[in-house]
Amino acid sequence: MGRASMTQTIEAGIRDREFPDVDATMACVRIYMALDGYGAYVNSPLPFEHIAYRYFVADVAEWALSLPPGTLRAHAEISHTLERP
């Protein structure tokens, strides 16, 4: 999903009252930057397991979208579980 599509998705969430009134472009950039940073660790050959790492993207997305802490962690946990062999 490109920046324009992500921004439009966030704007739709704001219109549908799924998210508070936030700057959709700013939220999009912050979420993509979190994904990029997360990817740097994913590509590391060394195993790394820490709660800060597991929930980093969800925590940043919650902050960027002004959602209450923990709102997205359940989704992150499901995704993390599905990634394990």
Protein backbone atom coordinates (compact mmCIF):
# COMPACT_ATOMS: atom_id res chain seq x y z
CA MET A 1 0.00 0.00 0.00
CA GLY A 2 1.45 3.34 -1.01
CA ARG A 3 1.45 6.54 1.01
CA ALA A 4 -1.60 7.95 -0.79
CA SER A 5 -3.63 4.78 -0.20
CA MET A 6 -2.60 4.59 3.46
CA THR A 7 -3.46 8.25 3.98
CA GLN A 8 -6.86 7.72 2.34
CA THR A 9 -7.47 4.68 4.55
CA ILE A 10 -6.68 6.71 7.66
CA GLU A 11 -8.90 9.57 6.44
CA ALA A 12 -11.74 7.07 5.91
CA GLY A 13 -11.19 5.80 9.46
CA ILE A 14 -11.45 9.36 10.73
CA ARG A 15 -14.68 9.94 8.78
CA ASP A 16 -16.09 6.65 10.10
CA ARG A 17 -15.03 7.64 13.64
CA GLU A 18 -12.72 4.63 13.96
CA PHE A 19 -9.87 7.06 14.67
CA PRO A 20 -9.88 10.45 16.35
CA ASP A 21 -9.28 13.54 14.23
CA VAL A 22 -5.55 13.19 13.51
CA ASP A 23 -3.32 14.43 10.70
CA ALA A 24 -3.64 11.45 8.35
CA THR A 25 -0.45 12.19 6.43
CA MET A 26 1.57 12.53 9.61
CA ALA A 27 0.14 9.29 10.97
CA CYS A 28 0.90 7.52 7.70
CA VAL A 29 4.53 8.70 7.67
CA ARG A 30 5.05 7.67 11.30
CA ILE A 31 3.57 4.22 10.73
CA TYR A 32 5.69 3.64 7.61
CA MET A 33 8.82 4.79 9.45
CA ALA A 34 8.03 2.31 12.23
CA LEU A 35 7.64 -0.46 9.65
CA ASP A 36 10.98 0.46 8.09
CA GLY A 37 12.70 0.42 11.47
CA TYR A 38 11.08 -2.89 12.34
CA GLY A 39 12.33 -4.29 9.06
CA ALA A 40 15.91 -3.49 10.02
CA TYR A 41 15.63 -5.95 12.92
CA VAL A 42 13.70 -8.54 10.91
CA ASN A 43 16.58 -8.72 8.45
CA SER A 44 19.16 -9.25 11.19
CA PRO A 45 20.62 -12.77 11.23
CA LEU A 46 20.61 -12.80 15.04
CA PRO A 47 17.44 -13.86 16.86
CA PHE A 48 15.86 -11.12 18.93
CA GLU A 49 12.74 -11.45 21.03
CA HIS A 50 11.61 -8.65 23.30
CA ILE A 51 8.21 -7.15 24.07
CA ALA A 52 9.39 -3.75 22.82
CA TYR A 53 10.27 -5.31 19.48
CA ARG A 54 7.12 -7.42 19.21
CA TYR A 55 4.75 -4.48 19.72
CA PHE A 56 6.80 -1.62 18.28
CA VAL A 57 4.75 -1.05 15.14
CA ALA A 58 1.44 -1.44 16.99
CA ASP A 59 2.60 0.99 19.69
CA VAL A 60 3.68 3.59 17.12
CA ALA A 61 0.46 3.17 15.13
CA GLU A 62 -1.59 3.67 18.32
CA TRP A 63 0.37 6.83 19.09
CA ALA A 64 0.14 8.14 15.51
CA LEU A 65 -3.62 7.50 15.37
CA SER A 66 -4.27 8.74 18.93
CA LEU A 67 -5.68 5.35 19.95
CA PRO A 68 -5.61 4.20 23.58
CA PRO A 69 -2.50 2.17 24.48
CA GLY A 70 -3.03 -1.54 23.91
CA THR A 71 -5.72 -1.11 21.24
CA LEU A 72 -3.65 -2.76 18.52
CA ARG A 73 -1.58 -5.18 20.60
CA ALA A 74 -4.09 -8.02 20.20
CA HIS A 75 -3.71 -7.71 16.43
CA ALA A 76 0.07 -7.65 16.75
CA GLU A 77 -0.05 -10.77 18.92
CA ILE A 78 -2.14 -12.64 16.35
CA SER A 79 0.22 -11.59 13.58
CA HIS A 80 3.27 -12.61 15.63
CA THR A 81 1.73 -16.02 16.36
CA LEU A 82 0.98 -16.61 12.68
CA GLU A 83 4.60 -15.83 11.72
CA ARG A 84 6.04 -18.55 13.95
CA PRO A 85 6.67 -21.96 12.36
